[in-house]
Amino acid sequence: MARVKKGLNAHKRHKKILKMAKGFYGSKHTIFKAANPAVMRSLRSAYFGRKLKKRQFRQMWIARINAAARMNDMSYSRLIDGLNKAGIEVNRKMLSEMAIYDAQGFTALCDKAKAALK
């Protein structure tokens, strides 16, 4: 049986990793042995980053809604409770957009939430 050499496959694998390591600092973008762990770490960070992004956006929306709600003499939790009791289903992303770009509409929602809480 003929001897199998892995030169071609190893070269392909090295090229793939070095292509992913473009723009890395120092020898990490030119030397495979340095690039490989850096690329693996960056892929792992990217995976976790995609999960974190969702949490961070929700945090930001809630902070914006809270700020706008307090301008209308309400807290965030009372606003959400009032909207639920009033039967108004608006997600947090749209509420934060309303708080920024449609202050009058947000104020109207706050008034309905206040009325539902009484």
Protein backbone atom coordinates (compact mmCIF):
# COMPACT_ATOMS: atom_id res chain seq x y z
CA MET A 1 0.00 0.00 0.00
CA ALA A 2 1.27 3.45 -0.87
CA ARG A 3 2.38 5.89 1.80
CA VAL A 4 -0.07 8.74 2.41
CA LYS A 5 1.49 12.14 2.77
CA LYS A 6 -0.57 14.90 4.36
CA GLY A 7 1.32 17.81 2.83
CA LEU A 8 -1.48 18.98 0.54
CA ASN A 9 -4.18 18.77 3.20
CA ALA A 10 -2.00 20.41 5.85
CA HIS A 11 -1.19 23.23 3.43
CA LYS A 12 -4.91 23.78 2.76
CA ARG A 13 -5.67 23.81 6.49
CA HIS A 14 -2.84 26.24 7.22
CA LYS A 15 -3.97 28.56 4.42
CA LYS A 16 -7.53 28.51 5.75
CA ILE A 17 -6.42 29.44 9.29
CA LEU A 18 -4.02 32.14 8.05
CA LYS A 19 -6.79 33.62 5.90
CA MET A 20 -8.99 33.87 9.02
CA ALA A 21 -6.08 35.46 10.92
CA LYS A 22 -5.79 38.42 8.52
CA GLY A 23 -5.36 41.64 10.46
CA PHE A 24 -4.16 39.97 13.65
CA TYR A 25 -1.31 41.66 15.53
CA GLY A 26 2.33 40.64 15.19
CA SER A 27 3.23 37.19 13.95
CA LYS A 28 -0.29 35.90 14.57
CA HIS A 29 -1.26 36.69 11.00
CA THR A 30 1.79 35.11 9.36
CA ILE A 31 2.85 32.08 11.44
CA PHE A 32 0.44 29.16 11.65
CA LYS A 33 1.56 28.01 15.08
CA ALA A 34 0.77 31.45 16.53
CA ALA A 35 -2.30 32.05 14.37
CA ASN A 36 -4.10 28.78 15.14
CA PRO A 37 -4.84 29.38 18.85
CA ALA A 38 -5.64 33.04 18.16
CA VAL A 39 -8.17 32.07 15.47
CA MET A 40 -9.72 29.41 17.71
CA ARG A 41 -10.07 31.96 20.52
CA SER A 42 -11.56 34.55 18.17
CA LEU A 43 -14.12 32.04 16.86
CA ARG A 44 -15.07 31.13 20.43
CA SER A 45 -15.41 34.80 21.35
CA ALA A 46 -17.52 35.45 18.27
CA TYR A 47 -19.86 32.61 19.24
CA PHE A 48 -20.34 33.96 22.76
CA GLY A 49 -20.55 37.50 21.38
CA ARG A 50 -23.57 36.57 19.29
CA LYS A 51 -25.32 35.45 22.47
CA LEU A 52 -24.21 38.51 24.47
CA LYS A 53 -25.39 40.90 21.76
CA LYS A 54 -29.01 39.91 22.36
CA ARG A 55 -28.67 40.53 26.12
CA GLN A 56 -26.94 43.88 25.62
CA PHE A 57 -29.57 45.15 23.19
CA ARG A 58 -32.37 44.18 25.60
CA GLN A 59 -30.52 45.99 28.43
CA MET A 60 -30.20 49.10 26.27
CA TRP A 61 -33.88 49.06 25.27
CA ILE A 62 -34.95 48.70 28.90
CA ALA A 63 -32.69 51.59 29.97
CA ARG A 64 -34.17 53.82 27.26
CA ILE A 65 -37.74 52.86 28.15
CA ASN A 66 -37.05 53.48 31.83
CA ALA A 67 -35.61 56.93 31.12
CA ALA A 68 -38.60 57.89 28.99
CA ALA A 69 -41.07 56.40 31.48
CA ARG A 70 -39.55 58.43 34.31
CA MET A 71 -40.06 61.57 32.23
CA ASN A 72 -43.75 60.60 32.32
CA ASP A 73 -43.71 60.05 36.12
CA MET A 74 -43.59 56.24 35.96
CA SER A 75 -41.00 53.57 36.53
CA TYR A 76 -40.18 50.94 33.93
CA SER A 77 -41.75 48.10 35.90
CA ARG A 78 -45.00 49.99 36.49
CA LEU A 79 -45.16 50.92 32.80
CA ILE A 80 -44.74 47.31 31.67
CA ASP A 81 -47.26 46.13 34.27
CA GLY A 82 -49.75 48.79 33.18
CA LEU A 83 -49.33 47.94 29.49
CA ASN A 84 -49.90 44.24 30.24
CA LYS A 85 -53.03 45.01 32.27
CA ALA A 86 -54.29 47.30 29.50
CA GLY A 87 -53.80 44.47 26.99
CA ILE A 88 -51.25 46.40 24.93
CA GLU A 89 -48.60 44.16 23.41
CA VAL A 90 -45.57 46.15 22.27
CA ASN A 91 -42.09 44.68 22.39
CA ARG A 92 -39.26 46.48 24.12
CA LYS A 93 -37.44 47.35 20.91
CA MET A 94 -40.47 49.20 19.55
CA LEU A 95 -41.11 50.88 22.92
CA SER A 96 -37.55 52.22 22.95
CA GLU A 97 -37.89 53.44 19.36
CA MET A 98 -41.13 55.19 20.31
CA ALA A 99 -39.44 56.75 23.33
CA ILE A 100 -36.78 58.26 21.08
CA TYR A 101 -38.65 59.22 17.91
CA ASP A 102 -42.33 59.47 18.93
CA ALA A 103 -42.49 61.08 22.36
CA GLN A 104 -46.20 61.92 22.04
CA GLY A 105 -47.12 58.33 21.21
CA PHE A 106 -45.03 57.09 24.12
CA THR A 107 -46.77 59.55 26.44
CA ALA A 108 -50.13 58.24 25.22
CA LEU A 109 -49.02 54.68 26.05
CA CYS A 110 -47.91 55.84 29.50
CA ASP A 111 -51.32 57.43 30.09
CA LYS A 112 -53.09 54.19 29.11
CA ALA A 113 -50.78 52.22 31.41
CA LYS A 114 -51.53 54.63 34.29
CA ALA A 115 -55.26 54.26 33.68
CA ALA A 116 -54.99 50.44 33.67
CA LEU A 117 -53.13 50.49 36.99
CA LYS A 118 -55.87 52.47 38.80
